[in-house]
Amino acid sequence: MSLTNVRNVPTDVKAALIRDVEEQDRSLSDTAVEILATYFDVASPLSGRNSGPRAGLSDQLQLRVSDGLAAALWQAAREWRVTQSQAVIQVLAAHYGLPYRPKRRGKVIT
């Protein structure tokens, strides 16, 4: 397991993620990691932690990911010509049906 820091998360993406956290009563990291692992079809064990105090609307996420998911994120970022943070945000935004266009030119997933 490794930590992946995601910066500049749009407010609408973070708010959608927080709604899921509150509905599922699990951590922000576990909720995001499950979405990412499903998208990339890789195993990434969840921590099993509860949501704890309500997550804030800062523009950052800290995710605990498996080595396989970390590699998939790195590969996607490379292929899409974006940062790893942007790759994470693209997948989360697509999951929630929210628009997101990274600042760098790259492939936008749907």
PDB file of N, CA and C in Angstrom:
ATOM      1  N   MET A   1       0.836  -1.179   0.000  1.00  0.00           N
ATOM      2  CA  MET A   1       0.000   0.000   0.000  1.00  0.00           C
ATOM      3  C   MET A   1       0.880   1.241   0.000  1.00  0.00           C
ATOM      4  N   SER A   2       0.409   2.227  -0.729  1.00  0.00           N
ATOM      5  CA  SER A   2       1.127   3.493  -0.752  1.00  0.00           C
ATOM      6  C   SER A   2       0.109   4.623  -0.690  1.00  0.00           C
ATOM      7  N   LEU A   3       0.585   5.801  -0.356  1.00  0.00           N
ATOM      8  CA  LEU A   3      -0.283   6.972  -0.295  1.00  0.00           C
ATOM      9  C   LEU A   3      -0.184   7.744  -1.598  1.00  0.00           C
ATOM     10  N   THR A   4      -1.321   8.144  -2.113  1.00  0.00           N
ATOM     11  CA  THR A   4      -1.381   8.979  -3.303  1.00  0.00           C
ATOM     12  C   THR A   4      -2.077  10.272  -2.912  1.00  0.00           C
ATOM     13  N   ASN A   5      -1.389  11.381  -3.077  1.00  0.00           N
ATOM     14  CA  ASN A   5      -1.966  12.687  -2.772  1.00  0.00           C
ATOM     15  C   ASN A   5      -2.552  13.274  -4.042  1.00  0.00           C
ATOM     16  N   VAL A   6      -3.814  13.641  -3.980  1.00  0.00           N
ATOM     17  CA  VAL A   6      -4.526  14.203  -5.124  1.00  0.00           C
ATOM     18  C   VAL A   6      -4.818  15.664  -4.805  1.00  0.00           C
ATOM     19  N   ARG A   7      -4.340  16.542  -5.673  1.00  0.00           N
ATOM     20  CA  ARG A   7      -4.504  17.979  -5.445  1.00  0.00           C
ATOM     21  C   ARG A   7      -5.471  18.586  -6.459  1.00  0.00           C
ATOM     22  N   ASN A   8      -6.014  19.738  -6.087  1.00  0.00           N
ATOM     23  CA  ASN A   8      -6.904  20.517  -6.956  1.00  0.00           C
ATOM     24  C   ASN A   8      -8.169  19.763  -7.351  1.00  0.00           C
ATOM     25  N   VAL A   9      -8.761  19.071  -6.394  1.00  0.00           N
ATOM     26  CA  VAL A   9     -10.005  18.353  -6.637  1.00  0.00           C
ATOM     27  C   VAL A   9     -11.142  19.378  -6.706  1.00  0.00           C
ATOM     28  N   PRO A  10     -11.878  19.400  -7.811  1.00  0.00           N
ATOM     29  CA  PRO A  10     -12.995  20.349  -7.923  1.00  0.00           C
ATOM     30  C   PRO A  10     -14.030  20.118  -6.815  1.00  0.00           C
ATOM     31  N   THR A  11     -14.649  21.199  -6.374  1.00  0.00           N
ATOM     32  CA  THR A  11     -15.620  21.135  -5.284  1.00  0.00           C
ATOM     33  C   THR A  11     -16.762  20.174  -5.584  1.00  0.00           C
ATOM     34  N   ASP A  12     -17.265  20.153  -6.823  1.00  0.00           N
ATOM     35  CA  ASP A  12     -18.392  19.275  -7.138  1.00  0.00           C
ATOM     36  C   ASP A  12     -18.009  17.800  -7.078  1.00  0.00           C
ATOM     37  N   VAL A  13     -16.789  17.481  -7.458  1.00  0.00           N
ATOM     38  CA  VAL A  13     -16.313  16.095  -7.380  1.00  0.00           C
ATOM     39  C   VAL A  13     -16.162  15.687  -5.915  1.00  0.00           C
ATOM     40  N   LYS A  14     -15.553  16.550  -5.114  1.00  0.00           N
ATOM     41  CA  LYS A  14     -15.349  16.248  -3.694  1.00  0.00           C
ATOM     42  C   LYS A  14     -16.697  16.124  -2.981  1.00  0.00           C
ATOM     43  N   ALA A  15     -17.657  17.003  -3.307  1.00  0.00           N
ATOM     44  CA  ALA A  15     -18.970  16.945  -2.671  1.00  0.00           C
ATOM     45  C   ALA A  15     -19.695  15.640  -3.012  1.00  0.00           C
ATOM     46  N   ALA A  16     -19.609  15.189  -4.260  1.00  0.00           N
ATOM     47  CA  ALA A  16     -20.233  13.925  -4.662  1.00  0.00           C
ATOM     48  C   ALA A  16     -19.596  12.756  -3.915  1.00  0.00           C
ATOM     49  N   LEU A  17     -18.295  12.796  -3.779  1.00  0.00           N
ATOM     50  CA  LEU A  17     -17.576  11.750  -3.048  1.00  0.00           C
ATOM     51  C   LEU A  17     -17.999  11.743  -1.576  1.00  0.00           C
ATOM     52  N   ILE A  18     -18.119  12.920  -0.979  1.00  0.00           N
ATOM     53  CA  ILE A  18     -18.523  13.017   0.427  1.00  0.00           C
ATOM     54  C   ILE A  18     -19.943  12.477   0.621  1.00  0.00           C
ATOM     55  N   ARG A  19     -20.834  12.719  -0.332  1.00  0.00           N
ATOM     56  CA  ARG A  19     -22.194  12.153  -0.225  1.00  0.00           C
ATOM     57  C   ARG A  19     -22.132  10.628  -0.164  1.00  0.00           C
ATOM     58  N   ASP A  20     -21.295  10.028  -1.004  1.00  0.00           N
ATOM     59  CA  ASP A  20     -21.130   8.568  -0.968  1.00  0.00           C
ATOM     60  C   ASP A  20     -20.546   8.114   0.363  1.00  0.00           C
ATOM     61  N   VAL A  21     -19.571   8.840   0.866  1.00  0.00           N
ATOM     62  CA  VAL A  21     -18.947   8.500   2.152  1.00  0.00           C
ATOM     63  C   VAL A  21     -20.010   8.461   3.248  1.00  0.00           C
ATOM     64  N   GLU A  22     -20.848   9.476   3.271  1.00  0.00           N
ATOM     65  CA  GLU A  22     -21.876   9.552   4.309  1.00  0.00           C
ATOM     66  C   GLU A  22     -22.917   8.450   4.152  1.00  0.00           C
ATOM     67  N   GLU A  23     -23.279   8.111   2.924  1.00  0.00           N
ATOM     68  CA  GLU A  23     -24.259   7.042   2.685  1.00  0.00           C
ATOM     69  C   GLU A  23     -23.695   5.672   3.036  1.00  0.00           C
ATOM     70  N   GLN A  24     -22.415   5.451   2.755  1.00  0.00           N
ATOM     71  CA  GLN A  24     -21.805   4.134   2.937  1.00  0.00           C
ATOM     72  C   GLN A  24     -21.118   3.976   4.292  1.00  0.00           C
ATOM     73  N   ASP A  25     -20.965   5.059   5.044  1.00  0.00           N
ATOM     74  CA  ASP A  25     -20.299   5.053   6.348  1.00  0.00           C
ATOM     75  C   ASP A  25     -18.927   4.372   6.286  1.00  0.00           C
ATOM     76  N   ARG A  26     -18.127   4.830   5.341  1.00  0.00           N
ATOM     77  CA  ARG A  26     -16.744   4.374   5.283  1.00  0.00           C
ATOM     78  C   ARG A  26     -15.855   5.559   4.937  1.00  0.00           C
ATOM     79  N   SER A  27     -14.576   5.337   4.920  1.00  0.00           N
ATOM     80  CA  SER A  27     -13.643   6.452   4.744  1.00  0.00           C
ATOM     81  C   SER A  27     -13.679   7.020   3.332  1.00  0.00           C
ATOM     82  N   LEU A  28     -13.267   8.256   3.215  1.00  0.00           N
ATOM     83  CA  LEU A  28     -13.161   8.926   1.923  1.00  0.00           C
ATOM     84  C   LEU A  28     -12.199   8.160   1.023  1.00  0.00           C
ATOM     85  N   SER A  29     -11.068   7.740   1.591  1.00  0.00           N
ATOM     86  CA  SER A  29     -10.077   6.992   0.819  1.00  0.00           C
ATOM     87  C   SER A  29     -10.666   5.696   0.281  1.00  0.00           C
ATOM     88  N   ASP A  30     -11.342   4.922   1.133  1.00  0.00           N
ATOM     89  CA  ASP A  30     -11.920   3.650   0.692  1.00  0.00           C
ATOM     90  C   ASP A  30     -12.950   3.854  -0.407  1.00  0.00           C
ATOM     91  N   THR A  31     -13.764   4.887  -0.279  1.00  0.00           N
ATOM     92  CA  THR A  31     -14.797   5.157  -1.277  1.00  0.00           C
ATOM     93  C   THR A  31     -14.170   5.490  -2.629  1.00  0.00           C
ATOM     94  N   ALA A  32     -13.181   6.376  -2.629  1.00  0.00           N
ATOM     95  CA  ALA A  32     -12.505   6.756  -3.875  1.00  0.00           C
ATOM     96  C   ALA A  32     -11.725   5.582  -4.458  1.00  0.00           C
ATOM     97  N   VAL A  33     -11.036   4.837  -3.609  1.00  0.00           N
ATOM     98  CA  VAL A  33     -10.223   3.710  -4.072  1.00  0.00           C
ATOM     99  C   VAL A  33     -11.105   2.641  -4.724  1.00  0.00           C
ATOM    100  N   GLU A  34     -12.277   2.386  -4.161  1.00  0.00           N
ATOM    101  CA  GLU A  34     -13.169   1.394  -4.758  1.00  0.00           C
ATOM    102  C   GLU A  34     -13.588   1.825  -6.166  1.00  0.00           C
ATOM    103  N   ILE A  35     -13.907   3.104  -6.352  1.00  0.00           N
ATOM    104  CA  ILE A  35     -14.284   3.619  -7.672  1.00  0.00           C
ATOM    105  C   ILE A  35     -13.119   3.451  -8.646  1.00  0.00           C
ATOM    106  N   LEU A  36     -11.920   3.824  -8.217  1.00  0.00           N
ATOM    107  CA  LEU A  36     -10.738   3.740  -9.080  1.00  0.00           C
ATOM    108  C   LEU A  36     -10.394   2.291  -9.410  1.00  0.00           C
ATOM    109  N   ALA A  37     -10.416   1.428  -8.405  1.00  0.00           N
ATOM    110  CA  ALA A  37     -10.077   0.013  -8.625  1.00  0.00           C
ATOM    111  C   ALA A  37     -11.064  -0.641  -9.585  1.00  0.00           C
ATOM    112  N   THR A  38     -12.339  -0.287  -9.463  1.00  0.00           N
ATOM    113  CA  THR A  38     -13.355  -0.821 -10.370  1.00  0.00           C
ATOM    114  C   THR A  38     -13.098  -0.330 -11.790  1.00  0.00           C
ATOM    115  N   TYR A  39     -12.812   0.952 -11.942  1.00  0.00           N
ATOM    116  CA  TYR A  39     -12.564   1.514 -13.270  1.00  0.00           C
ATOM    117  C   TYR A  39     -11.378   0.826 -13.949  1.00  0.00           C
ATOM    118  N   PHE A  40     -10.274   0.660 -13.202  1.00  0.00           N
ATOM    119  CA  PHE A  40      -9.057   0.083 -13.780  1.00  0.00           C
ATOM    120  C   PHE A  40      -9.033  -1.444 -13.699  1.00  0.00           C
ATOM    121  N   ASP A  41     -10.048  -2.033 -13.069  1.00  0.00           N
ATOM    122  CA  ASP A  41     -10.150  -3.482 -12.939  1.00  0.00           C
ATOM    123  C   ASP A  41      -8.902  -4.082 -12.287  1.00  0.00           C
ATOM    124  N   VAL A  42      -8.526  -3.492 -11.161  1.00  0.00           N
ATOM    125  CA  VAL A  42      -7.402  -3.995 -10.370  1.00  0.00           C
ATOM    126  C   VAL A  42      -7.853  -4.173  -8.922  1.00  0.00           C
ATOM    127  N   ALA A  43      -7.202  -5.069  -8.230  1.00  0.00           N
ATOM    128  CA  ALA A  43      -7.505  -5.272  -6.816  1.00  0.00           C
ATOM    129  C   ALA A  43      -6.810  -4.191  -5.991  1.00  0.00           C
ATOM    130  N   SER A  44      -7.539  -3.648  -5.046  1.00  0.00           N
ATOM    131  CA  SER A  44      -6.957  -2.691  -4.108  1.00  0.00           C
ATOM    132  C   SER A  44      -7.733  -2.821  -2.811  1.00  0.00           C
ATOM    133  N   PRO A  45      -7.189  -3.579  -1.860  1.00  0.00           N
ATOM    134  CA  PRO A  45      -7.906  -3.813  -0.601  1.00  0.00           C
ATOM    135  C   PRO A  45      -8.255  -2.484   0.080  1.00  0.00           C
ATOM    136  N   LEU A  46      -9.432  -2.476   0.700  1.00  0.00           N
ATOM    137  CA  LEU A  46      -9.873  -1.289   1.415  1.00  0.00           C
ATOM    138  C   LEU A  46      -9.421  -1.381   2.874  1.00  0.00           C
ATOM    139  N   SER A  47      -9.278  -0.245   3.521  1.00  0.00           N
ATOM    140  CA  SER A  47      -8.792  -0.222   4.903  1.00  0.00           C
ATOM    141  C   SER A  47      -9.859  -0.680   5.884  1.00  0.00           C
ATOM    142  N   GLY A  48     -11.129  -0.492   5.506  1.00  0.00           N
ATOM    143  CA  GLY A  48     -12.211  -0.868   6.407  1.00  0.00           C
ATOM    144  C   GLY A  48     -12.503   0.173   7.467  1.00  0.00           C
ATOM    145  N   ARG A  49     -11.865   1.305   7.375  1.00  0.00           N
ATOM    146  CA  ARG A  49     -12.084   2.366   8.365  1.00  0.00           C
ATOM    147  C   ARG A  49     -13.439   3.013   8.147  1.00  0.00           C
ATOM    148  N   ASN A  50     -14.026   3.484   9.257  1.00  0.00           N
ATOM    149  CA  ASN A  50     -15.274   4.239   9.171  1.00  0.00           C
ATOM    150  C   ASN A  50     -14.972   5.634   8.671  1.00  0.00           C
ATOM    151  N   SER A  51     -16.037   6.345   8.341  1.00  0.00           N
ATOM    152  CA  SER A  51     -15.860   7.691   7.816  1.00  0.00           C
ATOM    153  C   SER A  51     -15.303   8.642   8.861  1.00  0.00           C
ATOM    154  N   GLY A  52     -15.512   8.374  10.137  1.00  0.00           N
ATOM    155  CA  GLY A  52     -15.008   9.259  11.179  1.00  0.00           C
ATOM    156  C   GLY A  52     -15.675  10.618  11.090  1.00  0.00           C
ATOM    157  N   PRO A  53     -14.966  11.663  11.494  1.00  0.00           N
ATOM    158  CA  PRO A  53     -15.549  12.998  11.391  1.00  0.00           C
ATOM    159  C   PRO A  53     -15.825  13.350   9.934  1.00  0.00           C
ATOM    160  N   ARG A  54     -16.826  14.170   9.713  1.00  0.00           N
ATOM    161  CA  ARG A  54     -17.206  14.559   8.355  1.00  0.00           C
ATOM    162  C   ARG A  54     -16.002  15.115   7.605  1.00  0.00           C
ATOM    163  N   ALA A  55     -15.775  14.581   6.423  1.00  0.00           N
ATOM    164  CA  ALA A  55     -14.661  15.033   5.590  1.00  0.00           C
ATOM    165  C   ALA A  55     -14.904  16.472   5.147  1.00  0.00           C
ATOM    166  N   GLY A  56     -13.850  17.250   5.080  1.00  0.00           N
ATOM    167  CA  GLY A  56     -13.971  18.644   4.676  1.00  0.00           C
ATOM    168  C   GLY A  56     -13.945  18.812   3.164  1.00  0.00           C
ATOM    169  N   LEU A  57     -14.244  20.008   2.750  1.00  0.00           N
ATOM    170  CA  LEU A  57     -14.275  20.306   1.321  1.00  0.00           C
ATOM    171  C   LEU A  57     -12.975  20.925   0.839  1.00  0.00           C
ATOM    172  N   SER A  58     -11.855  20.538   1.412  1.00  0.00           N
ATOM    173  CA  SER A  58     -10.580  21.026   0.888  1.00  0.00           C
ATOM    174  C   SER A  58     -10.423  20.485  -0.523  1.00  0.00           C
ATOM    175  N   ASP A  59      -9.461  20.997  -1.239  1.00  0.00           N
ATOM    176  CA  ASP A  59      -9.280  20.546  -2.628  1.00  0.00           C
ATOM    177  C   ASP A  59      -8.267  19.414  -2.728  1.00  0.00           C
ATOM    178  N   GLN A  60      -8.080  18.661  -1.640  1.00  0.00           N
ATOM    179  CA  GLN A  60      -7.105  17.574  -1.659  1.00  0.00           C
ATOM    180  C   GLN A  60      -7.713  16.278  -1.135  1.00  0.00           C
ATOM    181  N   LEU A  61      -7.157  15.164  -1.614  1.00  0.00           N
ATOM    182  CA  LEU A  61      -7.491  13.821  -1.137  1.00  0.00           C
ATOM    183  C   LEU A  61      -6.197  13.094  -0.848  1.00  0.00           C
ATOM    184  N   GLN A  62      -6.208  12.253   0.162  1.00  0.00           N
ATOM    185  CA  GLN A  62      -5.074  11.369   0.409  1.00  0.00           C
ATOM    186  C   GLN A  62      -5.623   9.948   0.366  1.00  0.00           C
ATOM    187  N   LEU A  63      -5.180   9.183  -0.636  1.00  0.00           N
ATOM    188  CA  LEU A  63      -5.708   7.848  -0.877  1.00  0.00           C
ATOM    189  C   LEU A  63      -4.677   6.786  -0.558  1.00  0.00           C
ATOM    190  N   ARG A  64      -5.126   5.713   0.098  1.00  0.00           N
ATOM    191  CA  ARG A  64      -4.280   4.544   0.350  1.00  0.00           C
ATOM    192  C   ARG A  64      -4.580   3.541  -0.756  1.00  0.00           C
ATOM    193  N   VAL A  65      -3.624   3.346  -1.661  1.00  0.00           N
ATOM    194  CA  VAL A  65      -3.841   2.486  -2.830  1.00  0.00           C
ATOM    195  C   VAL A  65      -2.847   1.330  -2.852  1.00  0.00           C
ATOM    196  N   SER A  66      -3.273   0.237  -3.470  1.00  0.00           N
ATOM    197  CA  SER A  66      -2.378  -0.911  -3.646  1.00  0.00           C
ATOM    198  C   SER A  66      -1.326  -0.567  -4.696  1.00  0.00           C
ATOM    199  N   ASP A  67      -0.280  -1.358  -4.739  1.00  0.00           N
ATOM    200  CA  ASP A  67       0.755  -1.140  -5.751  1.00  0.00           C
ATOM    201  C   ASP A  67       0.180  -1.289  -7.160  1.00  0.00           C
ATOM    202  N   GLY A  68      -0.756  -2.219  -7.333  1.00  0.00           N
ATOM    203  CA  GLY A  68      -1.377  -2.419  -8.642  1.00  0.00           C
ATOM    204  C   GLY A  68      -2.187  -1.217  -9.091  1.00  0.00           C
ATOM    205  N   LEU A  69      -2.933  -0.618  -8.167  1.00  0.00           N
ATOM    206  CA  LEU A  69      -3.712   0.566  -8.512  1.00  0.00           C
ATOM    207  C   LEU A  69      -2.798   1.758  -8.748  1.00  0.00           C
ATOM    208  N   ALA A  70      -1.739   1.875  -7.954  1.00  0.00           N
ATOM    209  CA  ALA A  70      -0.774   2.961  -8.164  1.00  0.00           C
ATOM    210  C   ALA A  70      -0.163   2.860  -9.562  1.00  0.00           C
ATOM    211  N   ALA A  71       0.174   1.636  -9.981  1.00  0.00           N
ATOM    212  CA  ALA A  71       0.741   1.433 -11.320  1.00  0.00           C
ATOM    213  C   ALA A  71      -0.276   1.769 -12.406  1.00  0.00           C
ATOM    214  N   ALA A  72      -1.529   1.388 -12.197  1.00  0.00           N
ATOM    215  CA  ALA A  72      -2.580   1.688 -13.182  1.00  0.00           C
ATOM    216  C   ALA A  72      -2.782   3.197 -13.297  1.00  0.00           C
ATOM    217  N   LEU A  73      -2.741   3.905 -12.177  1.00  0.00           N
ATOM    218  CA  LEU A  73      -2.890   5.367 -12.204  1.00  0.00           C
ATOM    219  C   LEU A  73      -1.713   6.015 -12.931  1.00  0.00           C
ATOM    220  N   TRP A  74      -0.521   5.530 -12.655  1.00  0.00           N
ATOM    221  CA  TRP A  74       0.672   6.071 -13.317  1.00  0.00           C
ATOM    222  C   TRP A  74       0.576   5.857 -14.829  1.00  0.00           C
ATOM    223  N   GLN A  75       0.175   4.660 -15.232  1.00  0.00           N
ATOM    224  CA  GLN A  75       0.055   4.341 -16.659  1.00  0.00           C
ATOM    225  C   GLN A  75      -1.022   5.200 -17.323  1.00  0.00           C
ATOM    226  N   ALA A  76      -2.162   5.360 -16.667  1.00  0.00           N
ATOM    227  CA  ALA A  76      -3.239   6.186 -17.230  1.00  0.00           C
ATOM    228  C   ALA A  76      -2.782   7.629 -17.376  1.00  0.00           C
ATOM    229  N   ALA A  77      -2.133   8.154 -16.352  1.00  0.00           N
ATOM    230  CA  ALA A  77      -1.648   9.534 -16.414  1.00  0.00           C
ATOM    231  C   ALA A  77      -0.686   9.712 -17.589  1.00  0.00           C
ATOM    232  N   ARG A  78       0.159   8.736 -17.787  1.00  0.00           N
ATOM    233  CA  ARG A  78       1.108   8.803 -18.898  1.00  0.00           C
ATOM    234  C   ARG A  78       0.385   8.764 -20.242  1.00  0.00           C
ATOM    235  N   GLU A  79      -0.550   7.829 -20.391  1.00  0.00           N
ATOM    236  CA  GLU A  79      -1.285   7.691 -21.654  1.00  0.00           C
ATOM    237  C   GLU A  79      -2.169   8.902 -21.939  1.00  0.00           C
ATOM    238  N   TRP A  80      -2.801   9.447 -20.898  1.00  0.00           N
ATOM    239  CA  TRP A  80      -3.718  10.574 -21.065  1.00  0.00           C
ATOM    240  C   TRP A  80      -2.987  11.916 -21.062  1.00  0.00           C
ATOM    241  N   ARG A  81      -1.668  11.875 -20.839  1.00  0.00           N
ATOM    242  CA  ARG A  81      -0.833  13.082 -20.780  1.00  0.00           C
ATOM    243  C   ARG A  81      -1.333  14.085 -19.743  1.00  0.00           C
ATOM    244  N   VAL A  82      -1.590  13.565 -18.547  1.00  0.00           N
ATOM    245  CA  VAL A  82      -2.024  14.379 -17.420  1.00  0.00           C
ATOM    246  C   VAL A  82      -1.227  13.956 -16.193  1.00  0.00           C
ATOM    247  N   THR A  83      -1.394  14.681 -15.096  1.00  0.00           N
ATOM    248  CA  THR A  83      -0.772  14.272 -13.840  1.00  0.00           C
ATOM    249  C   THR A  83      -1.579  13.126 -13.231  1.00  0.00           C
ATOM    250  N   GLN A  84      -0.998  12.448 -12.244  1.00  0.00           N
ATOM    251  CA  GLN A  84      -1.751  11.387 -11.576  1.00  0.00           C
ATOM    252  C   GLN A  84      -2.972  11.957 -10.868  1.00  0.00           C
ATOM    253  N   SER A  85      -2.836  13.138 -10.279  1.00  0.00           N
ATOM    254  CA  SER A  85      -3.994  13.781  -9.644  1.00  0.00           C
ATOM    255  C   SER A  85      -5.107  13.996 -10.656  1.00  0.00           C
ATOM    256  N   GLN A  86      -4.751  14.487 -11.831  1.00  0.00           N
ATOM    257  CA  GLN A  86      -5.757  14.717 -12.866  1.00  0.00           C
ATOM    258  C   GLN A  86      -6.387  13.412 -13.333  1.00  0.00           C
ATOM    259  N   ALA A  87      -5.604  12.353 -13.399  1.00  0.00           N
ATOM    260  CA  ALA A  87      -6.160  11.048 -13.792  1.00  0.00           C
ATOM    261  C   ALA A  87      -7.190  10.578 -12.765  1.00  0.00           C
ATOM    262  N   VAL A  88      -6.867  10.716 -11.482  1.00  0.00           N
ATOM    263  CA  VAL A  88      -7.806  10.341 -10.421  1.00  0.00           C
ATOM    264  C   VAL A  88      -9.084  11.158 -10.546  1.00  0.00           C
ATOM    265  N   ILE A  89      -8.923  12.470 -10.708  1.00  0.00           N
ATOM    266  CA  ILE A  89     -10.089  13.359 -10.796  1.00  0.00           C
ATOM    267  C   ILE A  89     -10.928  13.018 -12.028  1.00  0.00           C
ATOM    268  N   GLN A  90     -10.288  12.732 -13.160  1.00  0.00           N
ATOM    269  CA  GLN A  90     -11.027  12.370 -14.374  1.00  0.00           C
ATOM    270  C   GLN A  90     -11.904  11.152 -14.132  1.00  0.00           C
ATOM    271  N   VAL A  91     -11.356  10.133 -13.492  1.00  0.00           N
ATOM    272  CA  VAL A  91     -12.121   8.902 -13.244  1.00  0.00           C
ATOM    273  C   VAL A  91     -13.266   9.181 -12.271  1.00  0.00           C
ATOM    274  N   LEU A  92     -12.988   9.913 -11.192  1.00  0.00           N
ATOM    275  CA  LEU A  92     -14.041  10.219 -10.223  1.00  0.00           C
ATOM    276  C   LEU A  92     -15.141  11.076 -10.855  1.00  0.00           C
ATOM    277  N   ALA A  93     -14.750  12.092 -11.613  1.00  0.00           N
ATOM    278  CA  ALA A  93     -15.737  12.961 -12.266  1.00  0.00           C
ATOM    279  C   ALA A  93     -16.599  12.148 -13.233  1.00  0.00           C
ATOM    280  N   ALA A  94     -15.988  11.275 -14.014  1.00  0.00           N
ATOM    281  CA  ALA A  94     -16.741  10.434 -14.956  1.00  0.00           C
ATOM    282  C   ALA A  94     -17.702   9.523 -14.194  1.00  0.00           C
ATOM    283  N   HIS A  95     -17.248   8.972 -13.076  1.00  0.00           N
ATOM    284  CA  HIS A  95     -18.097   8.099 -12.257  1.00  0.00           C
ATOM    285  C   HIS A  95     -19.364   8.824 -11.809  1.00  0.00           C
ATOM    286  N   TYR A  96     -19.216  10.078 -11.430  1.00  0.00           N
ATOM    287  CA  TYR A  96     -20.349  10.861 -10.941  1.00  0.00           C
ATOM    288  C   TYR A  96     -21.070  11.629 -12.049  1.00  0.00           C
ATOM    289  N   GLY A  97     -20.630  11.460 -13.283  1.00  0.00           N
ATOM    290  CA  GLY A  97     -21.283  12.150 -14.389  1.00  0.00           C
ATOM    291  C   GLY A  97     -21.049  13.651 -14.377  1.00  0.00           C
ATOM    292  N   LEU A  98     -19.903  14.062 -13.854  1.00  0.00           N
ATOM    293  CA  LEU A  98     -19.572  15.481 -13.759  1.00  0.00           C
ATOM    294  C   LEU A  98     -18.548  15.858 -14.820  1.00  0.00           C
ATOM    295  N   PRO A  99     -18.647  17.064 -15.344  1.00  0.00           N
ATOM    296  CA  PRO A  99     -17.654  17.491 -16.336  1.00  0.00           C
ATOM    297  C   PRO A  99     -16.317  17.785 -15.656  1.00  0.00           C
ATOM    298  N   TYR A 100     -15.251  17.428 -16.325  1.00  0.00           N
ATOM    299  CA  TYR A 100     -13.908  17.766 -15.849  1.00  0.00           C
ATOM    300  C   TYR A 100     -12.977  17.780 -17.049  1.00  0.00           C
ATOM    301  N   ARG A 101     -12.299  18.863 -17.216  1.00  0.00           N
ATOM    302  CA  ARG A 101     -11.322  18.982 -18.286  1.00  0.00           C
ATOM    303  C   ARG A 101     -10.003  19.382 -17.637  1.00  0.00           C
ATOM    304  N   PRO A 102      -9.000  18.496 -17.674  1.00  0.00           N
ATOM    305  CA  PRO A 102      -7.712  18.844 -17.078  1.00  0.00           C
ATOM    306  C   PRO A 102      -7.090  20.046 -17.777  1.00  0.00           C
ATOM    307  N   LYS A 103      -6.269  20.764 -17.046  1.00  0.00           N
ATOM    308  CA  LYS A 103      -5.637  21.956 -17.611  1.00  0.00           C
ATOM    309  C   LYS A 103      -4.683  21.623 -18.746  1.00  0.00           C
ATOM    310  N   ARG A 104      -4.021  20.479 -18.653  1.00  0.00           N
ATOM    311  CA  ARG A 104      -3.123  20.067 -19.737  1.00  0.00           C
ATOM    312  C   ARG A 104      -3.934  19.424 -20.841  1.00  0.00           C
ATOM    313  N   ARG A 105      -3.384  19.452 -22.027  1.00  0.00           N
ATOM    314  CA  ARG A 105      -4.070  18.779 -23.133  1.00  0.00           C
ATOM    315  C   ARG A 105      -3.887  17.287 -22.976  1.00  0.00           C
ATOM    316  N   GLY A 106      -4.955  16.584 -23.099  1.00  0.00           N
ATOM    317  CA  GLY A 106      -4.874  15.139 -22.980  1.00  0.00           C
ATOM    318  C   GLY A 106      -6.187  14.498 -23.372  1.00  0.00           C
ATOM    319  N   LYS A 107      -6.233  13.210 -23.249  1.00  0.00           N
ATOM    320  CA  LYS A 107      -7.426  12.449 -23.597  1.00  0.00           C
ATOM    321  C   LYS A 107      -8.429  12.579 -22.451  1.00  0.00           C
ATOM    322  N   VAL A 108      -9.654  12.905 -22.765  1.00  0.00           N
ATOM    323  CA  VAL A 108     -10.711  12.985 -21.769  1.00  0.00           C
ATOM    324  C   VAL A 108     -11.502  11.686 -21.823  1.00  0.00           C
ATOM    325  N   ILE A 109     -11.642  11.039 -20.666  1.00  0.00           N
ATOM    326  CA  ILE A 109     -12.360   9.769 -20.640  1.00  0.00           C
ATOM    327  C   ILE A 109     -13.848  10.019 -20.470  1.00  0.00           C
ATOM    328  N   THR A 110     -14.635   9.064 -20.893  1.00  0.00           N
ATOM    329  CA  THR A 110     -16.082   9.173 -20.736  1.00  0.00           C
ATOM    330  C   THR A 110     -16.634   7.920 -20.100  1.00  0.00           C
TER     331      THR A 110
END
